[in-house]
Amino acid sequence: MKIKDVIKKVVTGMLENSITIVKADTVVEQVRKKENVEVTAHQVKTVMKDELGLGYRLAKKVPI
Protein backbone atom coordinates (compact mmCIF):
# COMPACT_ATOMS: atom_id res chain seq x y z
CA MET A 1 0.00 0.00 0.00
CA LYS A 2 1.31 3.45 -0.88
CA ILE A 3 1.96 6.07 1.77
CA LYS A 4 -0.65 8.34 0.16
CA ASP A 5 -3.29 5.62 0.42
CA VAL A 6 -2.45 4.97 4.08
CA ILE A 7 -2.72 8.67 4.93
CA LYS A 8 -6.02 8.98 3.02
CA LYS A 9 -7.43 5.98 4.88
CA VAL A 10 -6.51 7.38 8.30
CA VAL A 11 -7.69 10.94 7.53
CA THR A 12 -11.05 9.82 6.14
CA GLY A 13 -11.50 7.46 9.08
CA MET A 14 -10.87 10.28 11.53
CA LEU A 15 -13.31 12.58 9.74
CA GLU A 16 -16.00 9.89 9.53
CA ASN A 17 -15.71 9.43 13.30
CA SER A 18 -16.04 13.22 13.81
CA ILE A 19 -12.46 13.59 15.05
CA THR A 20 -11.31 17.13 14.33
CA ILE A 21 -7.85 17.33 12.79
CA VAL A 22 -6.13 20.34 14.29
CA LYS A 23 -2.52 19.35 13.71
CA ALA A 24 -0.88 17.13 11.11
CA ASP A 25 1.06 15.54 13.98
CA THR A 26 -2.20 13.97 15.16
CA VAL A 27 -2.53 12.17 11.84
CA VAL A 28 1.15 11.15 11.98
CA GLU A 29 0.53 9.51 15.37
CA GLN A 30 -2.60 7.71 14.15
CA VAL A 31 -0.80 6.38 11.06
CA ARG A 32 2.02 5.12 13.28
CA LYS A 33 -0.41 3.41 15.68
CA LYS A 34 -2.87 1.91 13.20
CA GLU A 35 -0.74 1.15 10.14
CA ASN A 36 2.82 0.87 11.55
CA VAL A 37 4.07 3.26 8.87
CA GLU A 38 6.32 6.26 9.48
CA VAL A 39 5.17 9.44 7.73
CA THR A 40 6.05 13.10 8.17
CA ALA A 41 3.75 16.02 8.91
CA HIS A 42 4.71 17.48 5.53
CA GLN A 43 3.52 14.32 3.74
CA VAL A 44 0.23 14.47 5.65
CA LYS A 45 -0.32 18.14 4.76
CA THR A 46 0.46 17.47 1.09
CA VAL A 47 -1.96 14.54 0.84
CA MET A 48 -4.71 16.40 2.71
CA LYS A 49 -4.36 19.43 0.45
CA ASP A 50 -3.66 17.90 -2.97
CA GLU A 51 -5.40 14.53 -2.85
CA LEU A 52 -8.37 15.19 -0.54
CA GLY A 53 -8.88 18.93 -1.09
CA LEU A 54 -8.74 19.59 2.64
CA GLY A 55 -6.93 22.23 4.63
CA TYR A 56 -6.84 23.98 7.93
CA ARG A 57 -5.51 27.22 9.25
CA LEU A 58 -3.76 27.62 12.56
CA ALA A 59 -5.76 29.91 14.83
CA LYS A 60 -3.88 32.08 17.28
CA LYS A 61 -5.09 33.36 20.62
CA VAL A 62 -5.16 37.14 20.71
CA PRO A 63 -5.91 39.43 23.63
CA ILE A 64 -9.40 40.93 23.70
PDB file of N, CA and C in Angstrom:
ATOM      1  N   MET A   1       0.849  -1.189   0.000  1.00  0.00           N
ATOM      2  CA  MET A   1       0.000   0.000   0.000  1.00  0.00           C
ATOM      3  C   MET A   1       0.888   1.244   0.000  1.00  0.00           C
ATOM      4  N   LYS A   2       0.532   2.223  -0.806  1.00  0.00           N
ATOM      5  CA  LYS A   2       1.312   3.448  -0.882  1.00  0.00           C
ATOM      6  C   LYS A   2       1.094   4.301   0.360  1.00  0.00           C
ATOM      7  N   ILE A   3       2.063   5.163   0.624  1.00  0.00           N
ATOM      8  CA  ILE A   3       1.959   6.068   1.775  1.00  0.00           C
ATOM      9  C   ILE A   3       0.745   6.980   1.620  1.00  0.00           C
ATOM     10  N   LYS A   4       0.499   7.464   0.402  1.00  0.00           N
ATOM     11  CA  LYS A   4      -0.654   8.343   0.164  1.00  0.00           C
ATOM     12  C   LYS A   4      -1.954   7.635   0.529  1.00  0.00           C
ATOM     13  N   ASP A   5      -2.071   6.378   0.139  1.00  0.00           N
ATOM     14  CA  ASP A   5      -3.290   5.620   0.425  1.00  0.00           C
ATOM     15  C   ASP A   5      -3.482   5.415   1.927  1.00  0.00           C
ATOM     16  N   VAL A   6      -2.379   5.165   2.629  1.00  0.00           N
ATOM     17  CA  VAL A   6      -2.453   4.969   4.084  1.00  0.00           C
ATOM     18  C   VAL A   6      -2.906   6.257   4.760  1.00  0.00           C
ATOM     19  N   ILE A   7      -2.344   7.378   4.336  1.00  0.00           N
ATOM     20  CA  ILE A   7      -2.721   8.673   4.927  1.00  0.00           C
ATOM     21  C   ILE A   7      -4.181   8.976   4.627  1.00  0.00           C
ATOM     22  N   LYS A   8      -4.615   8.743   3.383  1.00  0.00           N
ATOM     23  CA  LYS A   8      -6.019   8.978   3.019  1.00  0.00           C
ATOM     24  C   LYS A   8      -6.956   8.150   3.893  1.00  0.00           C
ATOM     25  N   LYS A   9      -6.600   6.881   4.085  1.00  0.00           N
ATOM     26  CA  LYS A   9      -7.428   5.978   4.877  1.00  0.00           C
ATOM     27  C   LYS A   9      -7.580   6.489   6.309  1.00  0.00           C
ATOM     28  N   VAL A  10      -6.479   6.910   6.911  1.00  0.00           N
ATOM     29  CA  VAL A  10      -6.515   7.382   8.301  1.00  0.00           C
ATOM     30  C   VAL A  10      -7.275   8.703   8.406  1.00  0.00           C
ATOM     31  N   VAL A  11      -7.018   9.634   7.484  1.00  0.00           N
ATOM     32  CA  VAL A  11      -7.690  10.944   7.527  1.00  0.00           C
ATOM     33  C   VAL A  11      -9.196  10.779   7.343  1.00  0.00           C
ATOM     34  N   THR A  12      -9.616  10.004   6.354  1.00  0.00           N
ATOM     35  CA  THR A  12     -11.054   9.824   6.135  1.00  0.00           C
ATOM     36  C   THR A  12     -11.698   9.096   7.312  1.00  0.00           C
ATOM     37  N   GLY A  13     -10.983   8.144   7.898  1.00  0.00           N
ATOM     38  CA  GLY A  13     -11.504   7.458   9.078  1.00  0.00           C
ATOM     39  C   GLY A  13     -11.707   8.402  10.251  1.00  0.00           C
ATOM     40  N   MET A  14     -10.745   9.307  10.448  1.00  0.00           N
ATOM     41  CA  MET A  14     -10.872  10.283  11.528  1.00  0.00           C
ATOM     42  C   MET A  14     -12.054  11.211  11.284  1.00  0.00           C
ATOM     43  N   LEU A  15     -12.218  11.665  10.047  1.00  0.00           N
ATOM     44  CA  LEU A  15     -13.314  12.584   9.736  1.00  0.00           C
ATOM     45  C   LEU A  15     -14.671  11.895   9.833  1.00  0.00           C
ATOM     46  N   GLU A  16     -14.738  10.627   9.423  1.00  0.00           N
ATOM     47  CA  GLU A  16     -15.998   9.887   9.527  1.00  0.00           C
ATOM     48  C   GLU A  16     -16.406   9.680  10.983  1.00  0.00           C
ATOM     49  N   ASN A  17     -15.432   9.595  11.874  1.00  0.00           N
ATOM     50  CA  ASN A  17     -15.706   9.430  13.303  1.00  0.00           C
ATOM     51  C   ASN A  17     -15.790  10.771  14.030  1.00  0.00           C
ATOM     52  N   SER A  18     -15.904  11.853  13.276  1.00  0.00           N
ATOM     53  CA  SER A  18     -16.041  13.216  13.813  1.00  0.00           C
ATOM     54  C   SER A  18     -14.864  13.618  14.692  1.00  0.00           C
ATOM     55  N   ILE A  19     -13.675  13.173  14.337  1.00  0.00           N
ATOM     56  CA  ILE A  19     -12.463  13.587  15.050  1.00  0.00           C
ATOM     57  C   ILE A  19     -11.886  14.776  14.293  1.00  0.00           C
ATOM     58  N   THR A  20     -11.822  15.918  14.948  1.00  0.00           N
ATOM     59  CA  THR A  20     -11.313  17.128  14.330  1.00  0.00           C
ATOM     60  C   THR A  20      -9.802  17.029  14.197  1.00  0.00           C
ATOM     61  N   ILE A  21      -9.295  17.349  13.025  1.00  0.00           N
ATOM     62  CA  ILE A  21      -7.855  17.328  12.791  1.00  0.00           C
ATOM     63  C   ILE A  21      -7.347  18.756  12.931  1.00  0.00           C
ATOM     64  N   VAL A  22      -6.641  19.006  14.020  1.00  0.00           N
ATOM     65  CA  VAL A  22      -6.132  20.344  14.294  1.00  0.00           C
ATOM     66  C   VAL A  22      -4.668  20.451  13.879  1.00  0.00           C
ATOM     67  N   LYS A  23      -3.938  19.358  14.051  1.00  0.00           N
ATOM     68  CA  LYS A  23      -2.525  19.355  13.708  1.00  0.00           C
ATOM     69  C   LYS A  23      -2.208  18.114  12.877  1.00  0.00           C
ATOM     70  N   ALA A  24      -1.298  18.272  11.936  1.00  0.00           N
ATOM     71  CA  ALA A  24      -0.882  17.134  11.110  1.00  0.00           C
ATOM     72  C   ALA A  24      -0.209  16.070  11.965  1.00  0.00           C
ATOM     73  N   ASP A  25       0.394  16.493  13.077  1.00  0.00           N
ATOM     74  CA  ASP A  25       1.056  15.540  13.977  1.00  0.00           C
ATOM     75  C   ASP A  25       0.076  14.520  14.539  1.00  0.00           C
ATOM     76  N   THR A  26      -1.175  14.898  14.693  1.00  0.00           N
ATOM     77  CA  THR A  26      -2.203  13.972  15.161  1.00  0.00           C
ATOM     78  C   THR A  26      -2.382  12.833  14.160  1.00  0.00           C
ATOM     79  N   VAL A  27      -2.398  13.180  12.886  1.00  0.00           N
ATOM     80  CA  VAL A  27      -2.535  12.165  11.838  1.00  0.00           C
ATOM     81  C   VAL A  27      -1.283  11.290  11.800  1.00  0.00           C
ATOM     82  N   VAL A  28      -0.110  11.901  11.971  1.00  0.00           N
ATOM     83  CA  VAL A  28       1.145  11.147  11.975  1.00  0.00           C
ATOM     84  C   VAL A  28       1.108  10.081  13.071  1.00  0.00           C
ATOM     85  N   GLU A  29       0.631  10.453  14.262  1.00  0.00           N
ATOM     86  CA  GLU A  29       0.533   9.507  15.373  1.00  0.00           C
ATOM     87  C   GLU A  29      -0.447   8.380  15.062  1.00  0.00           C
ATOM     88  N   GLN A  30      -1.597   8.726  14.475  1.00  0.00           N
ATOM     89  CA  GLN A  30      -2.601   7.714  14.150  1.00  0.00           C
ATOM     90  C   GLN A  30      -2.090   6.734  13.087  1.00  0.00           C
ATOM     91  N   VAL A  31      -1.360   7.250  12.095  1.00  0.00           N
ATOM     92  CA  VAL A  31      -0.798   6.381  11.057  1.00  0.00           C
ATOM     93  C   VAL A  31       0.210   5.426  11.693  1.00  0.00           C
ATOM     94  N   ARG A  32       1.014   5.952  12.605  1.00  0.00           N
ATOM     95  CA  ARG A  32       2.017   5.123  13.276  1.00  0.00           C
ATOM     96  C   ARG A  32       1.351   4.027  14.106  1.00  0.00           C
ATOM     97  N   LYS A  33       0.271   4.382  14.822  1.00  0.00           N
ATOM     98  CA  LYS A  33      -0.415   3.411  15.681  1.00  0.00           C
ATOM     99  C   LYS A  33      -1.172   2.359  14.871  1.00  0.00           C
ATOM    100  N   LYS A  34      -1.954   2.805  13.903  1.00  0.00           N
ATOM    101  CA  LYS A  34      -2.870   1.910  13.202  1.00  0.00           C
ATOM    102  C   LYS A  34      -2.214   1.136  12.060  1.00  0.00           C
ATOM    103  N   GLU A  35      -1.283   1.757  11.359  1.00  0.00           N
ATOM    104  CA  GLU A  35      -0.741   1.148  10.143  1.00  0.00           C
ATOM    105  C   GLU A  35       0.734   0.755  10.264  1.00  0.00           C
ATOM    106  N   ASN A  36       1.389   1.135  11.362  1.00  0.00           N
ATOM    107  CA  ASN A  36       2.818   0.869  11.552  1.00  0.00           C
ATOM    108  C   ASN A  36       3.658   1.399  10.389  1.00  0.00           C
ATOM    109  N   VAL A  37       3.339   2.612   9.951  1.00  0.00           N
ATOM    110  CA  VAL A  37       4.074   3.262   8.868  1.00  0.00           C
ATOM    111  C   VAL A  37       4.546   4.615   9.379  1.00  0.00           C
ATOM    112  N   GLU A  38       5.792   4.960   9.085  1.00  0.00           N
ATOM    113  CA  GLU A  38       6.320   6.263   9.479  1.00  0.00           C
ATOM    114  C   GLU A  38       6.069   7.271   8.358  1.00  0.00           C
ATOM    115  N   VAL A  39       5.397   8.358   8.687  1.00  0.00           N
ATOM    116  CA  VAL A  39       5.171   9.444   7.733  1.00  0.00           C
ATOM    117  C   VAL A  39       5.544  10.756   8.413  1.00  0.00           C
ATOM    118  N   THR A  40       5.725  11.785   7.619  1.00  0.00           N
ATOM    119  CA  THR A  40       6.047  13.098   8.169  1.00  0.00           C
ATOM    120  C   THR A  40       4.820  13.997   8.122  1.00  0.00           C
ATOM    121  N   ALA A  41       4.857  15.061   8.907  1.00  0.00           N
ATOM    122  CA  ALA A  41       3.754  16.020   8.908  1.00  0.00           C
ATOM    123  C   ALA A  41       3.623  16.671   7.534  1.00  0.00           C
ATOM    124  N   HIS A  42       4.740  16.877   6.859  1.00  0.00           N
ATOM    125  CA  HIS A  42       4.705  17.478   5.527  1.00  0.00           C
ATOM    126  C   HIS A  42       3.978  16.566   4.535  1.00  0.00           C
ATOM    127  N   GLN A  43       4.220  15.264   4.616  1.00  0.00           N
ATOM    128  CA  GLN A  43       3.522  14.317   3.743  1.00  0.00           C
ATOM    129  C   GLN A  43       2.024  14.350   4.010  1.00  0.00           C
ATOM    130  N   VAL A  44       1.647  14.428   5.280  1.00  0.00           N
ATOM    131  CA  VAL A  44       0.231  14.470   5.651  1.00  0.00           C
ATOM    132  C   VAL A  44      -0.419  15.729   5.091  1.00  0.00           C
ATOM    133  N   LYS A  45       0.230  16.877   5.265  1.00  0.00           N
ATOM    134  CA  LYS A  45      -0.320  18.137   4.762  1.00  0.00           C
ATOM    135  C   LYS A  45      -0.486  18.100   3.248  1.00  0.00           C
ATOM    136  N   THR A  46       0.509  17.547   2.555  1.00  0.00           N
ATOM    137  CA  THR A  46       0.458  17.474   1.091  1.00  0.00           C
ATOM    138  C   THR A  46      -0.701  16.604   0.632  1.00  0.00           C
ATOM    139  N   VAL A  47      -0.880  15.438   1.235  1.00  0.00           N
ATOM    140  CA  VAL A  47      -1.965  14.540   0.842  1.00  0.00           C
ATOM    141  C   VAL A  47      -3.311  15.164   1.170  1.00  0.00           C
ATOM    142  N   MET A  48      -3.435  15.776   2.345  1.00  0.00           N
ATOM    143  CA  MET A  48      -4.708  16.404   2.714  1.00  0.00           C
ATOM    144  C   MET A  48      -5.073  17.510   1.730  1.00  0.00           C
ATOM    145  N   LYS A  49      -4.093  18.300   1.342  1.00  0.00           N
ATOM    146  CA  LYS A  49      -4.359  19.430   0.453  1.00  0.00           C
ATOM    147  C   LYS A  49      -4.574  18.984  -0.989  1.00  0.00           C
ATOM    148  N   ASP A  50      -3.623  18.231  -1.541  1.00  0.00           N
ATOM    149  CA  ASP A  50      -3.658  17.903  -2.967  1.00  0.00           C
ATOM    150  C   ASP A  50      -4.618  16.761  -3.312  1.00  0.00           C
ATOM    151  N   GLU A  51      -4.605  15.717  -2.523  1.00  0.00           N
ATOM    152  CA  GLU A  51      -5.400  14.529  -2.851  1.00  0.00           C
ATOM    153  C   GLU A  51      -6.846  14.629  -2.361  1.00  0.00           C
ATOM    154  N   LEU A  52      -7.033  15.171  -1.142  1.00  0.00           N
ATOM    155  CA  LEU A  52      -8.368  15.193  -0.543  1.00  0.00           C
ATOM    156  C   LEU A  52      -9.040  16.565  -0.610  1.00  0.00           C
ATOM    157  N   GLY A  53      -8.305  17.591  -1.003  1.00  0.00           N
ATOM    158  CA  GLY A  53      -8.881  18.932  -1.089  1.00  0.00           C
ATOM    159  C   GLY A  53      -9.211  19.520   0.260  1.00  0.00           C
ATOM    160  N   LEU A  54      -8.494  19.097   1.291  1.00  0.00           N
ATOM    161  CA  LEU A  54      -8.740  19.592   2.643  1.00  0.00           C
ATOM    162  C   LEU A  54      -7.644  20.558   3.065  1.00  0.00           C
ATOM    163  N   GLY A  55      -7.926  21.322   4.082  1.00  0.00           N
ATOM    164  CA  GLY A  55      -6.928  22.228   4.633  1.00  0.00           C
ATOM    165  C   GLY A  55      -7.407  22.757   5.965  1.00  0.00           C
ATOM    166  N   TYR A  56      -6.484  23.347   6.670  1.00  0.00           N
ATOM    167  CA  TYR A  56      -6.844  23.981   7.929  1.00  0.00           C
ATOM    168  C   TYR A  56      -5.886  25.129   8.153  1.00  0.00           C
ATOM    169  N   ARG A  57      -6.320  26.048   8.943  1.00  0.00           N
ATOM    170  CA  ARG A  57      -5.510  27.224   9.246  1.00  0.00           C
ATOM    171  C   ARG A  57      -5.295  27.279  10.745  1.00  0.00           C
ATOM    172  N   LEU A  58      -4.086  27.531  11.145  1.00  0.00           N
ATOM    173  CA  LEU A  58      -3.757  27.622  12.560  1.00  0.00           C
ATOM    174  C   LEU A  58      -4.369  28.903  13.134  1.00  0.00           C
ATOM    175  N   ALA A  59      -5.160  28.753  14.175  1.00  0.00           N
ATOM    176  CA  ALA A  59      -5.759  29.909  14.833  1.00  0.00           C
ATOM    177  C   ALA A  59      -4.886  30.302  16.012  1.00  0.00           C
ATOM    178  N   LYS A  60      -4.726  31.589  16.199  1.00  0.00           N
ATOM    179  CA  LYS A  60      -3.884  32.083  17.280  1.00  0.00           C
ATOM    180  C   LYS A  60      -4.758  32.785  18.310  1.00  0.00           C
ATOM    181  N   LYS A  61      -4.391  32.635  19.576  1.00  0.00           N
ATOM    182  CA  LYS A  61      -5.090  33.363  20.624  1.00  0.00           C
ATOM    183  C   LYS A  61      -4.585  34.804  20.622  1.00  0.00           C
ATOM    184  N   VAL A  62      -5.526  35.704  20.680  1.00  0.00           N
ATOM    185  CA  VAL A  62      -5.159  37.136  20.711  1.00  0.00           C
ATOM    186  C   VAL A  62      -5.868  37.774  21.898  1.00  0.00           C
ATOM    187  N   PRO A  63      -5.245  38.761  22.515  1.00  0.00           N
ATOM    188  CA  PRO A  63      -5.913  39.434  23.633  1.00  0.00           C
ATOM    189  C   PRO A  63      -7.157  40.184  23.175  1.00  0.00           C
ATOM    190  N   ILE A  64      -8.143  40.265  24.044  1.00  0.00           N
ATOM    191  CA  ILE A  64      -9.404  40.929  23.700  1.00  0.00           C
ATOM    192  C   ILE A  64      -9.235  42.427  23.733  1.00  0.00           C
TER     193      ILE A  64
END
